[in-house]
């Protein structure tokens, strides 16, 4: 068995991939937008010609996943399998709708989503085994996203209910911009306040003892409760000062969302700033002082560069957290992709929910990858 060099992780993932594709429903044929539909397996949904690109890729990927060799070839085959799967589901949807009624919809089912998950894990496993450096890792993610977006914009998926929901939402990209504005707009003031506060807390244990309990309490307040608590005072301010209302500071809308996200962002930024400064070797600080650096020069030229990877780790937590929490802010009129999530829940339209949830997950993932790359580069290429 040693000579065979079995890859247990790859074997497990490839088996899970095959079971998901052939034992679970691949798509659902619904009579209309909201009615439950008939579950259809992969072999029944796609004709033999449609399966020609996918099946050989599945076989080769599964076989290569069994052994610990040829990792680069496995990575390429897994990427081709991912693209083939997305091509197959688009072609299958078009074929199934030929004889269906005009209101019929094709929705993605468990088999497809699980297959995407297992393929993503196989790609991640191959990238780890290849020990890809930060920039090649980012290039790999960019390649995958570009390939998928090219397939989506080509119209090949337009028969799917998910893309029909997208085409029905004329404000999709304005909601995307709104989502980013709320997510990143709350982080900028949190960084401007949190990093200096973290430096002061590092310098003063007494200040740290006062600040951290307050930030911990703010972090434990549920998001909906936080939005609700902010609605009343902001409404009173808007009523008392009409100028504030004209500026957009009201009980509903962007104001409560940005303020709540600002509060949630403080603890990770402040705590990671304190942690980053605390990890700096005192000998380095003594050497900087011995070279004649002033306290300001030592702060900006020595302490901040050394603490920056840890600070960025907190920034990564904040960005991914805020992108998710903005979806909840749609309940108070904040806008963003959460609008589609709650509209879909109210209308029992699963694909509309996915239209809001999938871009939210993708945004969080992409920002996390970008910040991880920056952190690794600051650490000299180490993960």
Protein backbone atom coordinates (compact mmCIF):
# COMPACT_ATOMS: atom_id res chain seq x y z
CA UNK A 1 0.00 0.00 0.00
CA UNK A 2 2.94 2.32 0.57
CA UNK A 3 3.96 2.01 -3.07
CA UNK A 4 0.44 2.95 -4.16
CA UNK A 5 0.67 6.16 -2.09
CA UNK A 6 -3.06 6.52 -1.44
CA UNK A 7 -4.32 10.06 -0.89
CA UNK A 8 -6.99 9.70 1.81
CA UNK A 9 -8.26 13.29 1.50
CA UNK A 10 -8.51 13.13 -2.27
CA UNK A 11 -10.15 9.69 -2.14
CA UNK A 12 -12.77 10.90 0.34
CA UNK A 13 -13.55 14.06 -1.64
CA UNK A 14 -13.77 12.28 -4.99
CA UNK A 15 -16.11 9.63 -3.55
CA UNK A 16 -18.30 12.35 -2.03
CA UNK A 17 -18.32 14.16 -5.40
CA UNK A 18 -19.46 11.07 -7.32
CA UNK A 19 -22.10 10.16 -4.73
CA UNK A 20 -23.48 13.70 -4.76
CA UNK A 21 -23.72 13.83 -8.54
CA UNK A 22 -25.28 10.42 -9.13
CA UNK A 23 -27.28 9.72 -5.95
CA UNK A 24 -28.97 13.10 -5.43
CA UNK A 25 -31.29 15.22 -7.62
CA UNK A 26 -29.37 17.48 -9.99
CA UNK A 27 -32.08 20.02 -10.91
CA UNK A 28 -35.78 20.60 -10.24
CA UNK A 29 -38.40 21.23 -12.91
CA UNK A 30 -40.94 23.61 -11.34
CA UNK A 31 -44.32 24.44 -12.94
CA UNK A 32 -43.81 28.13 -12.03
CA UNK A 33 -41.67 30.47 -9.95
CA UNK A 34 -42.76 29.43 -6.47
CA UNK A 35 -44.38 25.98 -6.72
CA UNK A 36 -42.26 22.96 -5.73
CA UNK A 37 -41.11 20.92 -8.68
CA UNK A 38 -40.03 17.47 -9.83
CA UNK A 39 -36.50 16.44 -8.83
CA UNK A 40 -34.39 15.15 -11.71
CA UNK A 41 -31.05 13.33 -11.51
CA UNK A 42 -27.99 14.16 -13.58
CA UNK A 43 -28.36 11.25 -16.02
CA UNK A 44 -32.04 12.05 -16.61
CA UNK A 45 -31.52 15.80 -16.91
CA UNK A 46 -28.74 15.69 -19.50
CA UNK A 47 -28.65 13.80 -22.78
CA UNK A 48 -25.53 11.79 -23.77
CA UNK A 49 -24.12 14.60 -25.94
CA UNK A 50 -24.34 17.05 -23.02
CA UNK A 51 -22.56 14.60 -20.72
CA UNK A 52 -19.61 14.09 -23.10
CA UNK A 53 -17.49 16.93 -21.63
CA UNK A 54 -18.34 16.14 -17.99
CA UNK A 55 -18.04 12.35 -17.59
CA UNK A 56 -14.42 11.96 -18.82
CA UNK A 57 -13.37 14.88 -16.59
CA UNK A 58 -15.09 13.27 -13.59
CA UNK A 59 -13.40 9.91 -14.21
CA UNK A 60 -9.92 11.41 -14.65
CA UNK A 61 -10.28 13.75 -11.68
CA UNK A 62 -11.51 10.95 -9.42
CA UNK A 63 -8.71 8.58 -10.46
CA UNK A 64 -5.97 11.17 -9.97
CA UNK A 65 -7.45 12.17 -6.60
CA UNK A 66 -6.71 8.67 -5.30
CA UNK A 67 -2.93 9.17 -5.35
CA UNK A 68 -0.59 11.84 -4.01
CA UNK A 69 1.22 12.31 -7.31
CA UNK A 70 0.54 14.55 -10.33
CA UNK A 71 -0.97 17.29 -8.20
CA UNK A 72 -0.66 19.94 -10.93
CA UNK A 73 -2.47 17.70 -13.41
CA UNK A 74 -5.14 16.99 -10.79
CA UNK A 75 -5.62 20.73 -10.23
CA UNK A 76 -6.06 21.40 -13.96
CA UNK A 77 -8.50 18.49 -14.35
CA UNK A 78 -10.52 19.62 -11.34
CA UNK A 79 -10.82 23.11 -12.82
CA UNK A 80 -11.96 21.63 -16.13
CA UNK A 81 -14.47 19.44 -14.27
CA UNK A 82 -15.88 22.53 -12.55
CA UNK A 83 -16.34 24.33 -15.87
CA UNK A 84 -17.80 21.18 -17.49
CA UNK A 85 -20.30 20.83 -14.65
CA UNK A 86 -21.48 24.42 -15.08
CA UNK A 87 -21.75 23.92 -18.84
CA UNK A 88 -23.76 20.72 -18.34
CA UNK A 89 -26.29 22.28 -15.99
CA UNK A 90 -26.92 25.15 -18.42
CA UNK A 91 -27.37 22.82 -21.37
CA UNK A 92 -29.63 20.51 -19.34
CA UNK A 93 -31.87 23.39 -18.32
CA UNK A 94 -32.34 24.47 -21.94
CA UNK A 95 -33.26 20.93 -22.99
CA UNK A 96 -35.73 20.37 -20.16
CA UNK A 97 -37.62 23.58 -20.93
CA UNK A 98 -38.20 22.76 -24.60
CA UNK A 99 -41.39 20.77 -23.91
CA UNK A 100 -42.34 22.50 -20.64
CA UNK A 101 -44.98 25.20 -20.21
CA UNK A 102 -43.90 28.86 -20.62
CA UNK A 103 -43.99 29.50 -16.85
CA UNK A 104 -41.81 26.50 -15.98
CA UNK A 105 -38.53 27.03 -14.15
CA UNK A 106 -35.37 24.94 -13.74
CA UNK A 107 -33.80 25.30 -10.30
CA UNK A 108 -30.45 23.98 -9.14
CA UNK A 109 -30.78 21.10 -6.68
CA UNK A 110 -28.66 19.51 -3.96
CA UNK A 111 -26.46 17.48 -6.32
CA UNK A 112 -25.14 20.57 -8.10
CA UNK A 113 -24.45 22.61 -4.97
CA UNK A 114 -22.72 19.73 -3.19
CA UNK A 115 -20.64 18.97 -6.30
CA UNK A 116 -19.49 22.61 -6.38
CA UNK A 117 -18.56 22.31 -2.70
CA UNK A 118 -16.53 19.09 -3.17
CA UNK A 119 -14.78 20.46 -6.26
CA UNK A 120 -13.86 23.60 -4.33
CA UNK A 121 -12.35 21.43 -1.59
CA UNK A 122 -10.42 19.40 -4.17
CA UNK A 123 -9.02 22.61 -5.67
CA UNK A 124 -8.10 23.87 -2.20
CA UNK A 125 -6.45 20.56 -1.32
CA UNK A 126 -4.38 20.64 -4.52
CA UNK A 127 -3.35 24.26 -3.92
CA UNK A 128 -2.21 23.41 -0.37
CA UNK A 129 -0.21 20.40 -1.54
CA UNK A 130 1.45 22.51 -4.21
CA UNK A 131 2.29 25.09 -1.52
CA UNK A 132 1.26 27.92 -3.83
CA UNK A 133 2.64 31.30 -2.87
CA UNK A 134 0.26 34.22 -2.25
CA UNK A 135 0.19 35.76 -5.73
CA UNK A 136 -0.22 32.44 -7.64
CA UNK A 137 -2.98 31.54 -5.17
CA UNK A 138 -4.75 34.82 -5.88
CA UNK A 139 -4.23 34.29 -9.62
CA UNK A 140 -5.87 30.85 -9.34
CA UNK A 141 -8.95 32.33 -7.63
CA UNK A 142 -9.08 35.12 -10.23
CA UNK A 143 -8.93 32.55 -13.03
CA UNK A 144 -11.82 30.55 -11.55
CA UNK A 145 -13.99 33.62 -10.95
CA UNK A 146 -13.27 34.95 -14.46
CA UNK A 147 -14.13 31.62 -16.07
CA UNK A 148 -17.40 31.31 -14.13
CA UNK A 149 -18.40 34.93 -14.82
CA UNK A 150 -17.62 34.47 -18.53
CA UNK A 151 -19.91 31.43 -18.60
CA UNK A 152 -22.68 33.32 -16.80
CA UNK A 153 -22.49 36.39 -19.04
CA UNK A 154 -22.45 34.25 -22.20
CA UNK A 155 -26.16 33.49 -21.75
CA UNK A 156 -25.56 29.75 -21.37
CA UNK A 157 -27.30 29.76 -17.97
CA UNK A 158 -30.22 31.99 -18.97
CA UNK A 159 -32.67 29.06 -18.91
CA UNK A 160 -32.07 28.58 -15.18
CA UNK A 161 -34.49 30.15 -12.72
CA UNK A 162 -31.59 31.84 -10.89
CA UNK A 163 -30.62 33.81 -14.01
CA UNK A 164 -34.25 34.62 -14.74
CA UNK A 165 -34.50 36.17 -11.28
CA UNK A 166 -31.33 38.14 -12.02
CA UNK A 167 -32.72 39.51 -15.28
CA UNK A 168 -35.96 40.47 -13.51
CA UNK A 169 -34.08 42.58 -10.94
CA UNK A 170 -33.17 45.77 -12.79
CA UNK A 171 -31.49 47.23 -9.70
CA UNK A 172 -29.13 44.30 -9.06
CA UNK A 173 -25.89 46.20 -9.64
CA UNK A 174 -27.07 49.27 -7.76
CA UNK A 175 -27.85 46.98 -4.82
CA UNK A 176 -24.35 45.49 -5.19
CA UNK A 177 -22.83 48.96 -4.95
CA UNK A 178 -25.06 49.70 -1.96
CA UNK A 179 -23.91 46.50 -0.27
CA UNK A 180 -20.26 47.48 -0.72
CA UNK A 181 -20.91 51.04 0.44
CA UNK A 182 -22.49 49.87 3.68
CA UNK A 183 -19.88 47.17 4.28
CA UNK A 184 -16.80 49.28 3.62
CA UNK A 185 -18.30 52.63 4.67
CA UNK A 186 -18.66 51.43 8.25
CA UNK A 187 -15.11 50.04 8.29
CA UNK A 188 -13.35 53.31 7.40
CA UNK A 189 -14.45 55.16 10.58
CA UNK A 190 -13.88 51.98 12.61
CA UNK A 191 -10.27 51.85 11.38
CA UNK A 192 -9.74 55.57 12.03
CA UNK A 193 -11.02 55.16 15.58
CA UNK A 194 -10.03 51.58 16.36
CA UNK A 195 -6.32 51.60 15.47
CA UNK A 196 -5.41 54.73 17.51
CA UNK A 197 -7.58 53.41 20.35
CA UNK A 198 -5.79 50.05 20.15
CA UNK A 199 -2.41 51.78 20.33
CA UNK A 200 -3.54 53.74 23.39
CA UNK A 201 -4.88 50.56 25.01
CA UNK A 202 -1.51 48.89 24.40
CA UNK A 203 0.25 51.77 26.08
CA UNK A 204 -2.23 52.08 28.97
CA UNK A 205 -3.47 48.91 30.75
CA UNK A 206 -5.97 50.98 32.74
CA UNK A 207 -7.56 52.30 29.53
CA UNK A 208 -7.63 48.77 28.13
CA UNK A 209 -9.43 47.55 31.26
CA UNK A 210 -12.15 50.17 30.69
CA UNK A 211 -12.49 49.90 26.91
CA UNK A 212 -12.57 46.15 26.33
CA UNK A 213 -15.59 45.35 28.55
CA UNK A 214 -17.61 47.97 26.66
CA UNK A 215 -16.53 46.61 23.26
CA UNK A 216 -17.27 43.05 24.36
CA UNK A 217 -20.80 44.07 25.39
CA UNK A 218 -21.38 45.76 22.01
CA UNK A 219 -20.18 42.62 20.25
CA UNK A 220 -22.68 40.40 22.08
CA UNK A 221 -25.76 42.46 21.12
CA UNK A 222 -27.64 40.65 18.30
CA UNK A 223 -27.66 42.55 15.03
CA UNK A 224 -31.45 42.93 14.84
CA UNK A 225 -31.53 44.19 18.42
CA UNK A 226 -28.76 46.68 17.63
CA UNK A 227 -30.65 48.01 14.60
CA UNK A 228 -33.79 48.30 16.72
CA UNK A 229 -31.99 50.14 19.53
CA UNK A 230 -30.61 52.67 17.06
CA UNK A 231 -33.90 53.35 15.27
CA UNK A 232 -35.52 55.34 18.09
CA UNK A 233 -32.71 57.84 18.85
CA UNK A 234 -31.99 58.34 15.16
CA UNK A 235 -35.69 58.95 14.48
CA UNK A 236 -35.81 61.54 17.29
CA UNK A 237 -32.71 63.26 15.91
CA UNK A 238 -34.20 63.36 12.40
CA UNK A 239 -37.44 64.84 13.79
CA UNK A 240 -35.66 67.44 15.92
CA UNK A 241 -33.11 68.42 13.30
CA UNK A 242 -34.54 68.30 9.77
CA UNK A 243 -31.08 68.97 8.33
CA UNK A 244 -29.92 65.58 9.62
CA UNK A 245 -32.91 63.94 7.97
CA UNK A 246 -31.98 65.58 4.67
CA UNK A 247 -28.46 64.17 5.06
CA UNK A 248 -29.91 60.66 5.39
CA UNK A 249 -29.66 60.26 9.17
CA UNK A 250 -33.01 58.64 9.97
CA UNK A 251 -34.37 55.75 11.98
CA UNK A 252 -34.39 53.53 8.90
CA UNK A 253 -32.03 53.30 5.97
CA UNK A 254 -28.25 53.46 5.86
CA UNK A 255 -27.67 55.36 9.12
CA UNK A 256 -28.60 52.61 11.64
CA UNK A 257 -26.81 50.03 9.48
CA UNK A 258 -23.53 51.99 9.29
CA UNK A 259 -23.55 52.89 13.00
CA UNK A 260 -24.30 49.31 14.09
CA UNK A 261 -21.58 47.90 11.83
CA UNK A 262 -19.18 50.53 13.17
CA UNK A 263 -19.81 49.28 16.72
CA UNK A 264 -19.34 45.65 15.66
CA UNK A 265 -16.09 46.51 13.86
CA UNK A 266 -14.36 48.12 16.83
CA UNK A 267 -13.56 45.04 18.92
CA UNK A 268 -11.66 43.04 16.23
CA UNK A 269 -9.69 46.09 15.12
CA UNK A 270 -8.83 47.31 18.63
CA UNK A 271 -7.99 43.83 19.97
CA UNK A 272 -5.80 42.91 16.98
CA UNK A 273 -3.99 46.24 17.19
CA UNK A 274 -3.22 45.57 20.85
CA UNK A 275 -2.17 42.01 20.01
CA UNK A 276 0.02 43.10 17.10
CA UNK A 277 1.85 45.73 19.14
CA UNK A 278 2.20 43.31 22.03
CA UNK A 279 4.01 40.76 19.83
CA UNK A 280 6.79 43.18 18.90
CA UNK A 281 10.11 42.14 20.43
CA UNK A 282 11.26 44.68 23.02
CA UNK A 283 14.82 44.29 21.71
CA UNK A 284 13.70 45.70 18.36
CA UNK A 285 12.20 48.72 20.11
CA UNK A 286 15.35 49.21 22.15
CA UNK A 287 17.44 49.05 18.98
CA UNK A 288 15.22 51.67 17.31
CA UNK A 289 15.58 53.94 20.33
CA UNK A 290 19.34 53.36 20.35
CA UNK A 291 19.49 54.48 16.70
CA UNK A 292 18.11 57.84 17.80
CA UNK A 293 14.51 57.44 16.62
CA UNK A 294 11.89 59.58 18.28
CA UNK A 295 8.72 58.00 19.69
CA UNK A 296 6.78 59.06 16.57
CA UNK A 297 9.40 57.67 14.20
CA UNK A 298 9.53 54.41 16.12
CA UNK A 299 5.74 54.14 15.95
CA UNK A 300 5.42 54.69 12.20
CA UNK A 301 8.68 53.17 10.97
CA UNK A 302 9.04 50.18 13.29
CA UNK A 303 5.95 49.31 15.31
CA UNK A 304 3.25 49.74 12.69
CA UNK A 305 5.05 47.73 9.95
CA UNK A 306 5.73 44.87 12.39
CA UNK A 307 2.19 44.88 13.80
CA UNK A 308 0.45 45.31 10.42
CA UNK A 309 -0.03 41.57 9.59
CA UNK A 310 -1.88 41.04 12.88
CA UNK A 311 -3.89 44.26 12.42
CA UNK A 312 -4.87 43.12 8.92
CA UNK A 313 -6.05 39.81 10.38
CA UNK A 314 -8.55 41.77 12.46
CA UNK A 315 -9.44 43.83 9.40
CA UNK A 316 -10.15 40.59 7.51
CA UNK A 317 -12.53 39.47 10.26
CA UNK A 318 -14.32 42.82 10.15
CA UNK A 319 -14.71 42.90 6.37
CA UNK A 320 -16.13 39.39 6.08
CA UNK A 321 -18.38 39.92 9.10
CA UNK A 322 -19.74 43.24 7.82
CA UNK A 323 -20.46 41.88 4.34
CA UNK A 324 -22.67 39.25 5.98
CA UNK A 325 -24.32 41.62 8.46
CA UNK A 326 -25.25 44.11 5.74
CA UNK A 327 -27.65 41.47 4.43
CA UNK A 328 -29.54 41.70 7.75
CA UNK A 329 -29.54 45.52 7.48
CA UNK A 330 -32.04 45.20 4.61
CA UNK A 331 -34.70 44.71 7.30
CA UNK A 332 -34.27 48.36 8.34
CA UNK A 333 -34.15 49.68 4.79
CA UNK A 334 -30.40 49.53 4.40
CA UNK A 335 -30.56 47.93 0.96
CA UNK A 336 -27.97 45.61 -0.50
CA UNK A 337 -28.27 41.94 -1.40
CA UNK A 338 -30.27 41.29 1.76
CA UNK A 339 -33.21 42.92 -0.03
CA UNK A 340 -33.45 39.92 -2.35
CA UNK A 341 -33.01 37.46 0.51
CA UNK A 342 -35.98 38.81 2.46
CA UNK A 343 -38.10 39.37 -0.64
CA UNK A 344 -37.47 35.76 -1.64
CA UNK A 345 -38.38 34.51 1.83
CA UNK A 346 -41.61 36.51 1.75
CA UNK A 347 -42.52 35.23 -1.72
CA UNK A 348 -41.31 31.63 -1.14
CA UNK A 349 -38.99 32.16 -4.12
CA UNK A 350 -35.89 30.09 -3.36
CA UNK A 351 -33.91 31.33 -6.36
CA UNK A 352 -34.45 34.95 -5.35
CA UNK A 353 -33.02 34.08 -1.92
CA UNK A 354 -30.00 32.49 -3.63
CA UNK A 355 -29.62 35.58 -5.84
CA UNK A 356 -29.04 37.60 -2.67
CA UNK A 357 -27.08 35.01 -0.68
CA UNK A 358 -24.62 33.80 -3.36
CA UNK A 359 -23.11 37.24 -4.19
CA UNK A 360 -22.84 37.98 -0.45
CA UNK A 361 -20.83 34.79 0.09
CA UNK A 362 -18.73 35.48 -3.01
CA UNK A 363 -17.90 39.03 -1.88
CA UNK A 364 -16.87 37.83 1.58
CA UNK A 365 -14.73 35.08 0.07
CA UNK A 366 -12.98 37.38 -2.43
CA UNK A 367 -12.19 40.04 0.17
CA UNK A 368 -10.87 37.37 2.53
CA UNK A 369 -8.59 35.98 -0.21
CA UNK A 370 -7.28 39.45 -1.11
CA UNK A 371 -6.55 40.37 2.50
CA UNK A 372 -4.96 36.96 3.17
CA UNK A 373 -2.69 37.54 0.17
CA UNK A 374 -1.69 40.96 1.50
CA UNK A 375 -0.98 39.50 4.96
CA UNK A 376 1.17 36.72 3.45
CA UNK A 377 3.12 39.25 1.37
CA UNK A 378 3.80 41.35 4.47
CA UNK A 379 5.06 38.21 6.20
CA UNK A 380 7.45 37.52 3.35
CA UNK A 381 5.27 35.05 1.48
CA UNK A 382 4.55 32.84 4.48
CA UNK A 383 0.83 31.87 4.90
